[in-house]
């Protein structure tokens, strides 16, 4: 609910999820993958679209779920 509150308050239908890994590493953990799946499914049920989940790390490095695990959006959850 906390994740979707700002989306509804902003009145938008499409959003990004972004978080940082204080370790500086950008590899997605199993928990990151599980949470991303939950966000995508819940967003769809609410009529919203999660455009990407981005992990920010050290030295300007980022990990994009859309680029690396696009199958999550392309029917990979079903």
N, C-alpha and C. Protein backbone atom coordinates (compact mmCIF):
# COMPACT_ATOMS: atom_id res chain seq x y z
N UNK A 1 0.82 -1.20 0.00
CA UNK A 1 0.00 0.00 0.00
C UNK A 1 0.87 1.26 0.00
N UNK A 2 1.96 1.23 0.76
CA UNK A 2 2.84 2.40 0.82
C UNK A 2 3.46 2.74 -0.53
N UNK A 3 3.76 1.74 -1.31
CA UNK A 3 4.36 1.97 -2.61
C UNK A 3 3.38 2.65 -3.56
N UNK A 4 2.12 2.28 -3.49
CA UNK A 4 1.14 2.80 -4.44
C UNK A 4 0.52 4.13 -4.01
N UNK A 5 0.63 4.48 -2.74
CA UNK A 5 0.04 5.74 -2.25
C UNK A 5 0.52 6.95 -3.04
N UNK A 6 1.85 7.15 -3.23
CA UNK A 6 2.29 8.32 -4.00
C UNK A 6 1.81 8.29 -5.45
N UNK A 7 1.66 7.09 -6.01
CA UNK A 7 1.18 6.97 -7.39
C UNK A 7 -0.24 7.51 -7.48
N UNK A 8 -1.09 7.08 -6.54
CA UNK A 8 -2.47 7.56 -6.54
C UNK A 8 -2.55 9.05 -6.21
N UNK A 9 -1.76 9.51 -5.26
CA UNK A 9 -1.78 10.93 -4.89
C UNK A 9 -1.33 11.81 -6.04
N UNK A 10 -0.40 11.31 -6.85
CA UNK A 10 0.07 12.09 -8.01
C UNK A 10 -0.91 12.03 -9.17
N UNK A 11 -1.86 11.09 -9.10
CA UNK A 11 -2.86 10.98 -10.17
C UNK A 11 -2.30 10.43 -11.46
N UNK A 12 -1.28 9.59 -11.37
CA UNK A 12 -0.68 9.02 -12.57
C UNK A 12 -1.07 7.55 -12.69
N UNK A 13 -0.90 7.00 -13.90
CA UNK A 13 -1.21 5.60 -14.11
C UNK A 13 0.04 4.78 -14.41
N UNK A 14 1.14 5.45 -14.70
CA UNK A 14 2.40 4.76 -15.00
C UNK A 14 3.47 5.30 -14.05
N UNK A 15 4.32 4.39 -13.57
CA UNK A 15 5.31 4.78 -12.58
C UNK A 15 6.55 3.89 -12.67
N UNK A 16 7.62 4.33 -12.04
CA UNK A 16 8.86 3.58 -11.90
C UNK A 16 9.07 3.28 -10.42
N UNK A 17 9.70 2.17 -10.13
CA UNK A 17 10.16 1.87 -8.78
C UNK A 17 11.68 2.00 -8.81
N UNK A 18 12.23 2.75 -7.87
CA UNK A 18 13.67 2.95 -7.80
C UNK A 18 14.11 2.79 -6.35
N UNK A 19 15.17 2.04 -6.15
CA UNK A 19 15.76 1.99 -4.81
C UNK A 19 17.26 1.80 -4.93
N UNK A 20 17.96 2.04 -3.82
CA UNK A 20 19.42 1.91 -3.86
C UNK A 20 19.87 0.74 -3.01
N UNK A 21 21.02 0.23 -3.35
CA UNK A 21 21.69 -0.78 -2.55
C UNK A 21 22.88 -0.08 -1.90
N UNK A 22 22.83 0.16 -0.60
CA UNK A 22 23.93 0.85 0.08
C UNK A 22 25.28 0.18 -0.11
N UNK A 23 25.27 -1.12 -0.41
CA UNK A 23 26.53 -1.83 -0.64
C UNK A 23 27.22 -1.36 -1.91
N UNK A 24 26.45 -0.69 -2.79
CA UNK A 24 27.00 -0.26 -4.07
C UNK A 24 26.81 -1.26 -5.18
N UNK A 25 26.48 -2.50 -4.83
CA UNK A 25 26.24 -3.54 -5.82
C UNK A 25 24.84 -3.37 -6.41
N UNK A 26 24.69 -3.63 -7.68
CA UNK A 26 23.39 -3.43 -8.32
C UNK A 26 22.69 -4.73 -8.71
N UNK A 27 23.30 -5.86 -8.40
CA UNK A 27 22.67 -7.13 -8.74
C UNK A 27 21.36 -7.27 -7.97
N UNK A 28 20.34 -7.78 -8.65
CA UNK A 28 19.03 -7.96 -8.03
C UNK A 28 19.05 -9.19 -7.13
N UNK A 29 18.57 -9.02 -5.92
CA UNK A 29 18.49 -10.14 -4.98
C UNK A 29 17.20 -10.92 -5.26
N UNK A 30 17.09 -12.12 -4.73
CA UNK A 30 15.83 -12.86 -4.88
C UNK A 30 14.64 -12.07 -4.32
N UNK A 31 14.88 -11.32 -3.24
CA UNK A 31 13.81 -10.49 -2.67
C UNK A 31 13.41 -9.37 -3.62
N UNK A 32 14.40 -8.77 -4.30
CA UNK A 32 14.11 -7.72 -5.29
C UNK A 32 13.25 -8.28 -6.41
N UNK A 33 13.59 -9.47 -6.88
CA UNK A 33 12.84 -10.09 -7.97
C UNK A 33 11.42 -10.41 -7.53
N UNK A 34 11.27 -10.98 -6.35
CA UNK A 34 9.94 -11.31 -5.83
C UNK A 34 9.09 -10.07 -5.66
N UNK A 35 9.67 -9.02 -5.10
CA UNK A 35 8.92 -7.77 -4.89
C UNK A 35 8.52 -7.16 -6.23
N UNK A 36 9.41 -7.23 -7.21
CA UNK A 36 9.10 -6.67 -8.53
C UNK A 36 7.92 -7.40 -9.16
N UNK A 37 7.91 -8.72 -9.05
CA UNK A 37 6.77 -9.49 -9.56
C UNK A 37 5.48 -9.07 -8.88
N UNK A 38 5.52 -8.91 -7.57
CA UNK A 38 4.33 -8.50 -6.83
C UNK A 38 3.85 -7.12 -7.25
N UNK A 39 4.78 -6.21 -7.45
CA UNK A 39 4.43 -4.85 -7.86
C UNK A 39 3.76 -4.86 -9.24
N UNK A 40 4.32 -5.61 -10.18
CA UNK A 40 3.76 -5.66 -11.53
C UNK A 40 2.33 -6.20 -11.50
N UNK A 41 2.14 -7.31 -10.80
CA UNK A 41 0.82 -7.94 -10.74
C UNK A 41 -0.19 -7.03 -10.04
N UNK A 42 0.20 -6.46 -8.92
CA UNK A 42 -0.71 -5.59 -8.17
C UNK A 42 -1.05 -4.34 -8.97
N UNK A 43 -0.05 -3.77 -9.63
CA UNK A 43 -0.28 -2.58 -10.45
C UNK A 43 -1.32 -2.88 -11.54
N UNK A 44 -1.16 -4.01 -12.20
CA UNK A 44 -2.11 -4.37 -13.26
C UNK A 44 -3.52 -4.50 -12.70
N UNK A 45 -3.66 -5.09 -11.52
CA UNK A 45 -4.98 -5.25 -10.90
C UNK A 45 -5.60 -3.90 -10.56
N UNK A 46 -4.75 -2.91 -10.30
CA UNK A 46 -5.22 -1.57 -9.95
C UNK A 46 -5.37 -0.66 -11.17
N UNK A 47 -5.10 -1.20 -12.36
CA UNK A 47 -5.18 -0.40 -13.58
C UNK A 47 -3.98 0.50 -13.77
N UNK A 48 -2.87 0.16 -13.16
CA UNK A 48 -1.64 0.95 -13.25
C UNK A 48 -0.59 0.17 -14.02
N UNK A 49 0.49 0.86 -14.40
CA UNK A 49 1.58 0.23 -15.12
C UNK A 49 2.90 0.59 -14.46
N UNK A 50 3.63 -0.44 -14.05
CA UNK A 50 4.99 -0.24 -13.56
C UNK A 50 5.90 -0.29 -14.78
N UNK A 51 6.54 0.82 -15.09
CA UNK A 51 7.38 0.91 -16.28
C UNK A 51 8.73 0.22 -16.11
N UNK A 52 9.27 0.24 -14.90
CA UNK A 52 10.56 -0.38 -14.65
C UNK A 52 10.82 -0.36 -13.15
N UNK A 53 11.74 -1.19 -12.73
CA UNK A 53 12.27 -1.17 -11.36
C UNK A 53 13.77 -1.04 -11.53
N UNK A 54 14.30 0.03 -10.99
CA UNK A 54 15.71 0.35 -11.16
C UNK A 54 16.42 0.30 -9.81
N UNK A 55 17.56 -0.38 -9.78
CA UNK A 55 18.39 -0.42 -8.58
C UNK A 55 19.60 0.47 -8.83
N UNK A 56 19.85 1.41 -7.94
CA UNK A 56 21.00 2.30 -8.06
C UNK A 56 22.10 1.81 -7.14
N UNK A 57 23.31 1.80 -7.65
CA UNK A 57 24.46 1.35 -6.86
C UNK A 57 25.54 2.40 -6.83
N UNK A 58 26.71 1.99 -6.50
CA UNK A 58 27.84 2.90 -6.42
C UNK A 58 28.38 3.28 -7.78
N UNK A 59 29.08 4.39 -7.81
CA UNK A 59 29.78 4.87 -9.01
C UNK A 59 28.85 5.02 -10.22
N UNK A 60 27.60 5.39 -9.95
CA UNK A 60 26.65 5.65 -11.03
C UNK A 60 26.10 4.42 -11.72
N UNK A 61 26.35 3.23 -11.17
CA UNK A 61 25.85 2.01 -11.80
C UNK A 61 24.38 1.81 -11.46
N UNK A 62 23.65 1.27 -12.44
CA UNK A 62 22.23 0.97 -12.24
C UNK A 62 21.90 -0.39 -12.84
N UNK A 63 20.83 -0.97 -12.34
CA UNK A 63 20.31 -2.22 -12.86
C UNK A 63 18.86 -1.97 -13.21
N UNK A 64 18.47 -2.21 -14.43
CA UNK A 64 17.10 -2.05 -14.90
C UNK A 64 16.47 -3.42 -15.05
N UNK A 65 15.39 -3.66 -14.31
CA UNK A 65 14.67 -4.92 -14.46
C UNK A 65 14.10 -5.03 -15.86
N UNK A 66 13.63 -3.93 -16.40
CA UNK A 66 13.02 -3.97 -17.74
C UNK A 66 14.05 -4.44 -18.77
N UNK A 67 15.27 -3.93 -18.67
CA UNK A 67 16.30 -4.32 -19.62
C UNK A 67 16.84 -5.73 -19.35
N UNK A 68 16.97 -6.09 -18.10
CA UNK A 68 17.60 -7.37 -17.74
C UNK A 68 16.63 -8.52 -17.57
N UNK A 69 15.43 -8.21 -17.12
CA UNK A 69 14.44 -9.25 -16.85
C UNK A 69 13.09 -8.84 -17.44
N UNK A 70 13.13 -8.38 -18.69
CA UNK A 70 11.93 -7.91 -19.37
C UNK A 70 10.83 -8.94 -19.45
N UNK A 71 11.21 -10.22 -19.35
CA UNK A 71 10.19 -11.27 -19.41
C UNK A 71 9.17 -11.13 -18.28
N UNK A 72 9.51 -10.44 -17.20
CA UNK A 72 8.55 -10.22 -16.13
C UNK A 72 7.36 -9.41 -16.64
N UNK A 73 7.61 -8.54 -17.60
CA UNK A 73 6.55 -7.72 -18.18
C UNK A 73 5.90 -8.39 -19.39
N UNK A 74 6.59 -9.29 -20.00
CA UNK A 74 6.12 -9.89 -21.25
C UNK A 74 5.46 -11.25 -21.04
N UNK A 75 4.61 -11.33 -20.03
CA UNK A 75 3.88 -12.55 -19.77
C UNK A 75 4.65 -13.57 -18.96
N UNK A 76 5.83 -13.23 -18.48
CA UNK A 76 6.63 -14.16 -17.71
C UNK A 76 6.09 -14.46 -16.33
N UNK A 77 5.08 -13.72 -15.92
CA UNK A 77 4.50 -13.95 -14.59
C UNK A 77 3.34 -14.91 -14.63
N UNK A 78 2.89 -15.25 -15.80
CA UNK A 78 1.67 -16.06 -15.91
C UNK A 78 1.98 -17.51 -16.11
